[in-house]
Amino acid sequence: MGPLARHFWEGCAAGELRWRRCTACGTGQTFPRDFCPACGSPEVEWRTAIGTGIVHAVTIVARAPTDAFRALAPYTIVLVDLDEGIRMMAHGAPDLAIGQRVAVTFFVHEGRHLPRFVAI
């Protein structure tokens, strides 16, 4: 795991949802990179999200991609439009629907704290 990913995962372990913001153009990103995907600037900084947003899409994973996730199947994956104006993919509570207001929580799987959104 690289240092950028490590910072994200350490945040999850601390109960923080971290994201990157370009100080040149303001674009946000949940996938950590050393540069802005919009303008190419290397001037990106870490921020901590409030952790709330609106469900944009929901899907149920019945066939997990790895042995580690087969134990969780079926499980819900959601796209959430965070209040900070960025969209992220994460686990979701099984009863979520598009348009629902959600907040991030975290659960431990295979030793890693993973974000999971629940209805508020």
N, C-alpha and C. Protein backbone atom coordinates (compact mmCIF):
# COMPACT_ATOMS: atom_id res chain seq x y z
N MET A 1 0.85 -1.18 0.00
CA MET A 1 0.00 0.00 0.00
C MET A 1 0.89 1.23 0.00
N GLY A 2 0.63 2.15 -0.93
CA GLY A 2 1.41 3.37 -1.03
C GLY A 2 1.04 4.38 0.04
N PRO A 3 1.83 5.45 0.16
CA PRO A 3 1.56 6.44 1.21
C PRO A 3 0.22 7.16 1.06
N LEU A 4 -0.22 7.39 -0.17
CA LEU A 4 -1.51 8.06 -0.35
C LEU A 4 -2.65 7.16 0.12
N ALA A 5 -2.62 5.91 -0.29
CA ALA A 5 -3.65 4.98 0.14
C ALA A 5 -3.58 4.77 1.65
N ARG A 6 -2.38 4.71 2.19
CA ARG A 6 -2.21 4.52 3.63
C ARG A 6 -2.90 5.64 4.41
N HIS A 7 -2.76 6.87 3.94
CA HIS A 7 -3.39 8.00 4.63
C HIS A 7 -4.91 7.84 4.64
N PHE A 8 -5.49 7.40 3.53
CA PHE A 8 -6.93 7.16 3.46
C PHE A 8 -7.34 6.08 4.46
N TRP A 9 -6.64 4.93 4.43
CA TRP A 9 -7.00 3.80 5.29
C TRP A 9 -6.75 4.10 6.76
N GLU A 10 -5.72 4.86 7.08
CA GLU A 10 -5.50 5.27 8.46
C GLU A 10 -6.66 6.15 8.94
N GLY A 11 -7.16 6.97 8.05
CA GLY A 11 -8.33 7.79 8.37
C GLY A 11 -9.54 6.92 8.68
N CYS A 12 -9.77 5.91 7.86
CA CYS A 12 -10.90 5.00 8.11
C CYS A 12 -10.75 4.34 9.48
N ALA A 13 -9.54 3.90 9.82
CA ALA A 13 -9.31 3.26 11.12
C ALA A 13 -9.56 4.23 12.27
N ALA A 14 -9.38 5.53 12.00
CA ALA A 14 -9.62 6.56 13.01
C ALA A 14 -11.05 7.09 12.98
N GLY A 15 -11.89 6.52 12.10
CA GLY A 15 -13.27 6.97 11.98
C GLY A 15 -13.43 8.23 11.15
N GLU A 16 -12.46 8.49 10.24
CA GLU A 16 -12.51 9.67 9.38
C GLU A 16 -12.56 9.25 7.91
N LEU A 17 -13.41 9.92 7.17
CA LEU A 17 -13.49 9.71 5.73
C LEU A 17 -12.67 10.81 5.06
N ARG A 18 -11.50 10.45 4.55
CA ARG A 18 -10.58 11.44 3.98
C ARG A 18 -10.68 11.47 2.46
N TRP A 19 -10.48 12.67 1.90
CA TRP A 19 -10.51 12.87 0.46
C TRP A 19 -9.50 13.92 0.09
N ARG A 20 -9.24 14.07 -1.21
CA ARG A 20 -8.24 15.03 -1.70
C ARG A 20 -8.95 16.17 -2.44
N ARG A 21 -8.44 17.38 -2.28
CA ARG A 21 -8.97 18.57 -2.96
C ARG A 21 -7.82 19.31 -3.62
N CYS A 22 -8.03 19.69 -4.87
CA CYS A 22 -7.04 20.47 -5.62
C CYS A 22 -7.14 21.92 -5.17
N THR A 23 -6.01 22.48 -4.72
CA THR A 23 -6.03 23.88 -4.30
C THR A 23 -5.97 24.83 -5.48
N ALA A 24 -5.66 24.32 -6.66
CA ALA A 24 -5.60 25.16 -7.86
C ALA A 24 -6.98 25.38 -8.47
N CYS A 25 -7.77 24.29 -8.59
CA CYS A 25 -9.08 24.43 -9.26
C CYS A 25 -10.26 24.02 -8.39
N GLY A 26 -10.00 23.42 -7.22
CA GLY A 26 -11.07 23.06 -6.30
C GLY A 26 -11.69 21.70 -6.52
N THR A 27 -11.23 20.95 -7.52
CA THR A 27 -11.79 19.63 -7.80
C THR A 27 -11.49 18.67 -6.65
N GLY A 28 -12.49 17.89 -6.27
CA GLY A 28 -12.31 16.88 -5.23
C GLY A 28 -12.15 15.51 -5.83
N GLN A 29 -11.50 14.63 -5.09
CA GLN A 29 -11.31 13.25 -5.54
C GLN A 29 -11.29 12.33 -4.33
N THR A 30 -11.94 11.19 -4.46
CA THR A 30 -11.91 10.20 -3.39
C THR A 30 -10.84 9.16 -3.66
N PHE A 31 -10.43 8.99 -4.91
CA PHE A 31 -9.33 8.09 -5.24
C PHE A 31 -8.05 8.90 -5.12
N PRO A 32 -7.19 8.60 -4.15
CA PRO A 32 -6.03 9.47 -3.91
C PRO A 32 -4.98 9.40 -5.02
N ARG A 33 -4.64 10.56 -5.54
CA ARG A 33 -3.60 10.70 -6.56
C ARG A 33 -2.68 11.83 -6.13
N ASP A 34 -1.49 11.89 -6.73
CA ASP A 34 -0.54 12.97 -6.45
C ASP A 34 -0.82 14.22 -7.28
N PHE A 35 -1.88 14.18 -8.07
CA PHE A 35 -2.19 15.30 -8.96
C PHE A 35 -3.70 15.40 -9.11
N CYS A 36 -4.15 16.54 -9.60
CA CYS A 36 -5.58 16.75 -9.84
C CYS A 36 -5.97 16.10 -11.17
N PRO A 37 -7.02 15.28 -11.20
CA PRO A 37 -7.44 14.66 -12.45
C PRO A 37 -8.10 15.66 -13.41
N ALA A 38 -8.50 16.82 -12.90
CA ALA A 38 -9.16 17.81 -13.74
C ALA A 38 -8.17 18.75 -14.42
N CYS A 39 -7.22 19.30 -13.64
CA CYS A 39 -6.31 20.30 -14.20
C CYS A 39 -4.85 19.86 -14.22
N GLY A 40 -4.53 18.73 -13.58
CA GLY A 40 -3.16 18.23 -13.59
C GLY A 40 -2.25 18.83 -12.54
N SER A 41 -2.76 19.73 -11.74
CA SER A 41 -1.93 20.39 -10.72
C SER A 41 -1.47 19.40 -9.66
N PRO A 42 -0.23 19.53 -9.21
CA PRO A 42 0.24 18.70 -8.11
C PRO A 42 -0.16 19.26 -6.74
N GLU A 43 -0.86 20.37 -6.75
CA GLU A 43 -1.25 21.05 -5.50
C GLU A 43 -2.57 20.48 -4.97
N VAL A 44 -2.50 19.30 -4.37
CA VAL A 44 -3.67 18.67 -3.78
C VAL A 44 -3.44 18.46 -2.29
N GLU A 45 -4.50 18.60 -1.53
CA GLU A 45 -4.40 18.49 -0.07
C GLU A 45 -5.44 17.51 0.46
N TRP A 46 -5.16 16.96 1.61
CA TRP A 46 -6.11 16.07 2.27
C TRP A 46 -7.14 16.88 3.03
N ARG A 47 -8.37 16.41 3.00
CA ARG A 47 -9.47 16.97 3.76
C ARG A 47 -10.20 15.83 4.46
N THR A 48 -10.96 16.14 5.46
CA THR A 48 -11.80 15.15 6.13
C THR A 48 -13.24 15.50 5.85
N ALA A 49 -13.98 14.56 5.30
CA ALA A 49 -15.39 14.78 4.97
C ALA A 49 -16.25 14.80 6.23
N ILE A 50 -17.36 15.50 6.14
CA ILE A 50 -18.35 15.47 7.21
C ILE A 50 -18.87 14.04 7.35
N GLY A 51 -18.97 13.36 6.21
CA GLY A 51 -19.40 11.96 6.21
C GLY A 51 -20.87 11.75 5.91
N THR A 52 -21.52 12.79 5.38
CA THR A 52 -22.93 12.66 5.03
C THR A 52 -23.13 12.97 3.55
N GLY A 53 -24.24 12.46 3.02
CA GLY A 53 -24.54 12.70 1.61
C GLY A 53 -25.85 12.06 1.20
N ILE A 54 -26.02 11.95 -0.12
CA ILE A 54 -27.24 11.41 -0.73
C ILE A 54 -26.86 10.21 -1.60
N VAL A 55 -27.62 9.13 -1.49
CA VAL A 55 -27.37 7.94 -2.32
C VAL A 55 -27.69 8.26 -3.77
N HIS A 56 -26.73 8.03 -4.64
CA HIS A 56 -26.89 8.24 -6.08
C HIS A 56 -27.26 6.94 -6.79
N ALA A 57 -26.69 5.83 -6.35
CA ALA A 57 -26.97 4.53 -6.97
C ALA A 57 -26.75 3.42 -5.95
N VAL A 58 -27.44 2.31 -6.15
CA VAL A 58 -27.35 1.16 -5.25
C VAL A 58 -27.26 -0.11 -6.10
N THR A 59 -26.41 -1.02 -5.68
CA THR A 59 -26.37 -2.33 -6.31
C THR A 59 -26.11 -3.39 -5.25
N ILE A 60 -26.57 -4.59 -5.51
CA ILE A 60 -26.35 -5.72 -4.61
C ILE A 60 -25.32 -6.63 -5.27
N VAL A 61 -24.26 -6.93 -4.54
CA VAL A 61 -23.22 -7.83 -5.04
C VAL A 61 -23.55 -9.23 -4.53
N ALA A 62 -23.90 -10.10 -5.44
CA ALA A 62 -24.23 -11.48 -5.09
C ALA A 62 -23.04 -12.40 -5.27
N ARG A 63 -22.18 -12.08 -6.24
CA ARG A 63 -20.98 -12.87 -6.52
C ARG A 63 -19.77 -12.01 -6.24
N ALA A 64 -19.20 -12.18 -5.07
CA ALA A 64 -18.07 -11.36 -4.64
C ALA A 64 -16.85 -11.59 -5.52
N PRO A 65 -16.02 -10.56 -5.71
CA PRO A 65 -14.87 -10.67 -6.60
C PRO A 65 -13.70 -11.46 -6.01
N THR A 66 -13.65 -11.62 -4.68
CA THR A 66 -12.54 -12.32 -4.05
C THR A 66 -13.06 -13.24 -2.95
N ASP A 67 -12.23 -14.17 -2.54
CA ASP A 67 -12.60 -15.05 -1.43
C ASP A 67 -12.89 -14.26 -0.17
N ALA A 68 -12.13 -13.20 0.06
CA ALA A 68 -12.30 -12.40 1.27
C ALA A 68 -13.69 -11.79 1.35
N PHE A 69 -14.27 -11.41 0.22
CA PHE A 69 -15.58 -10.77 0.23
C PHE A 69 -16.73 -11.76 0.05
N ARG A 70 -16.44 -13.00 -0.28
CA ARG A 70 -17.51 -14.00 -0.43
C ARG A 70 -18.25 -14.21 0.89
N ALA A 71 -17.54 -14.06 1.99
CA ALA A 71 -18.18 -14.22 3.30
C ALA A 71 -19.24 -13.15 3.55
N LEU A 72 -19.14 -12.01 2.89
CA LEU A 72 -20.10 -10.91 3.08
C LEU A 72 -21.29 -11.00 2.12
N ALA A 73 -21.14 -11.72 1.03
CA ALA A 73 -22.17 -11.74 -0.02
C ALA A 73 -23.46 -12.40 0.47
N PRO A 74 -24.60 -11.87 0.07
CA PRO A 74 -24.75 -10.67 -0.75
C PRO A 74 -24.55 -9.41 0.10
N TYR A 75 -23.96 -8.39 -0.53
CA TYR A 75 -23.75 -7.12 0.17
C TYR A 75 -24.08 -5.97 -0.76
N THR A 76 -24.32 -4.80 -0.16
CA THR A 76 -24.75 -3.62 -0.90
C THR A 76 -23.57 -2.69 -1.14
N ILE A 77 -23.47 -2.21 -2.38
CA ILE A 77 -22.50 -1.17 -2.74
C ILE A 77 -23.30 0.05 -3.19
N VAL A 78 -22.89 1.22 -2.73
CA VAL A 78 -23.59 2.46 -3.09
C VAL A 78 -22.62 3.48 -3.66
N LEU A 79 -23.15 4.35 -4.50
CA LEU A 79 -22.47 5.58 -4.90
C LEU A 79 -23.15 6.68 -4.11
N VAL A 80 -22.36 7.45 -3.39
CA VAL A 80 -22.90 8.52 -2.54
C VAL A 80 -22.33 9.85 -2.98
N ASP A 81 -23.21 10.82 -3.18
CA ASP A 81 -22.79 12.19 -3.44
C ASP A 81 -22.60 12.85 -2.08
N LEU A 82 -21.34 12.98 -1.68
CA LEU A 82 -21.03 13.56 -0.38
C LEU A 82 -21.40 15.04 -0.35
N ASP A 83 -21.67 15.56 0.82
CA ASP A 83 -22.03 16.97 0.97
C ASP A 83 -20.91 17.90 0.51
N GLU A 84 -19.69 17.39 0.44
CA GLU A 84 -18.55 18.18 -0.05
C GLU A 84 -18.55 18.32 -1.57
N GLY A 85 -19.49 17.64 -2.25
CA GLY A 85 -19.59 17.77 -3.71
C GLY A 85 -18.84 16.72 -4.50
N ILE A 86 -18.42 15.66 -3.85
CA ILE A 86 -17.72 14.58 -4.56
C ILE A 86 -18.52 13.28 -4.41
N ARG A 87 -18.33 12.39 -5.33
CA ARG A 87 -19.03 11.11 -5.33
C ARG A 87 -18.05 10.00 -4.97
N MET A 88 -18.51 9.08 -4.12
CA MET A 88 -17.64 7.95 -3.78
C MET A 88 -18.44 6.66 -3.75
N MET A 89 -17.73 5.57 -3.95
CA MET A 89 -18.30 4.24 -3.87
C MET A 89 -17.89 3.63 -2.53
N ALA A 90 -18.84 2.96 -1.89
CA ALA A 90 -18.55 2.31 -0.62
C ALA A 90 -19.62 1.26 -0.34
N HIS A 91 -19.43 0.53 0.73
CA HIS A 91 -20.46 -0.40 1.20
C HIS A 91 -21.63 0.41 1.71
N GLY A 92 -22.80 -0.21 1.70
CA GLY A 92 -23.99 0.45 2.22
C GLY A 92 -24.85 -0.53 2.99
N ALA A 93 -25.67 -0.01 3.87
CA ALA A 93 -26.64 -0.84 4.57
C ALA A 93 -27.57 -1.48 3.54
N PRO A 94 -28.07 -2.67 3.81
CA PRO A 94 -28.87 -3.39 2.80
C PRO A 94 -30.19 -2.74 2.44
N ASP A 95 -30.70 -1.82 3.23
CA ASP A 95 -32.01 -1.22 2.98
C ASP A 95 -31.95 0.15 2.30
N LEU A 96 -30.81 0.57 1.79
CA LEU A 96 -30.68 1.91 1.22
C LEU A 96 -31.35 2.02 -0.14
N ALA A 97 -31.81 3.23 -0.45
CA ALA A 97 -32.46 3.51 -1.73
C ALA A 97 -31.91 4.81 -2.31
N ILE A 98 -32.00 4.94 -3.62
CA ILE A 98 -31.57 6.16 -4.30
C ILE A 98 -32.32 7.35 -3.72
N GLY A 99 -31.58 8.43 -3.47
CA GLY A 99 -32.17 9.65 -2.94
C GLY A 99 -32.17 9.74 -1.43
N GLN A 100 -31.81 8.65 -0.76
CA GLN A 100 -31.82 8.63 0.69
C GLN A 100 -30.62 9.37 1.27
N ARG A 101 -30.83 10.04 2.38
CA ARG A 101 -29.76 10.73 3.10
C ARG A 101 -29.03 9.70 3.95
N VAL A 102 -27.69 9.74 3.92
CA VAL A 102 -26.88 8.74 4.60
C VAL A 102 -25.71 9.38 5.34
N ALA A 103 -25.14 8.59 6.26
CA ALA A 103 -23.93 8.98 6.99
C ALA A 103 -22.98 7.79 6.98
N VAL A 104 -21.70 8.10 7.00
CA VAL A 104 -20.69 7.04 6.97
C VAL A 104 -20.48 6.45 8.35
N THR A 105 -20.30 5.15 8.37
CA THR A 105 -19.84 4.40 9.54
C THR A 105 -18.68 3.56 9.03
N PHE A 106 -18.08 2.79 9.88
CA PHE A 106 -16.96 1.94 9.46
C PHE A 106 -17.12 0.56 10.08
N PHE A 107 -16.70 -0.47 9.35
CA PHE A 107 -16.70 -1.83 9.89
C PHE A 107 -15.37 -2.47 9.53
N VAL A 108 -14.98 -3.45 10.31
CA VAL A 108 -13.70 -4.12 10.09
C VAL A 108 -13.93 -5.43 9.34
N HIS A 109 -13.19 -5.58 8.25
CA HIS A 109 -13.23 -6.83 7.48
C HIS A 109 -11.80 -7.16 7.06
N GLU A 110 -11.38 -8.37 7.40
CA GLU A 110 -10.02 -8.82 7.06
C GLU A 110 -8.96 -7.84 7.59
N GLY A 111 -9.22 -7.27 8.77
CA GLY A 111 -8.26 -6.38 9.41
C GLY A 111 -8.25 -4.95 8.90
N ARG A 112 -9.12 -4.62 7.97
CA ARG A 112 -9.17 -3.25 7.42
C ARG A 112 -10.52 -2.61 7.76
N HIS A 113 -10.47 -1.35 8.16
CA HIS A 113 -11.69 -0.59 8.43
C HIS A 113 -12.24 -0.08 7.09
N LEU A 114 -13.46 -0.50 6.76
CA LEU A 114 -14.07 -0.12 5.49
C LEU A 114 -15.23 0.83 5.74
N PRO A 115 -15.40 1.85 4.88
CA PRO A 115 -16.56 2.73 5.04
C PRO A 115 -17.85 2.04 4.62
N ARG A 116 -18.91 2.30 5.39
CA ARG A 116 -20.25 1.79 5.07
C ARG A 116 -21.25 2.91 5.38
N PHE A 117 -22.10 3.19 4.42
CA PHE A 117 -23.11 4.23 4.61
C PHE A 117 -24.41 3.63 5.14
N VAL A 118 -25.04 4.36 6.06
CA VAL A 118 -26.31 3.95 6.65
C VAL A 118 -27.28 5.13 6.57
N ALA A 119 -28.57 4.83 6.57
CA ALA A 119 -29.59 5.87 6.50
C ALA A 119 -29.59 6.72 7.77
N ILE A 120 -29.87 8.03 7.57
CA ILE A 120 -30.02 8.93 8.73
C ILE A 120 -31.38 9.60 8.67
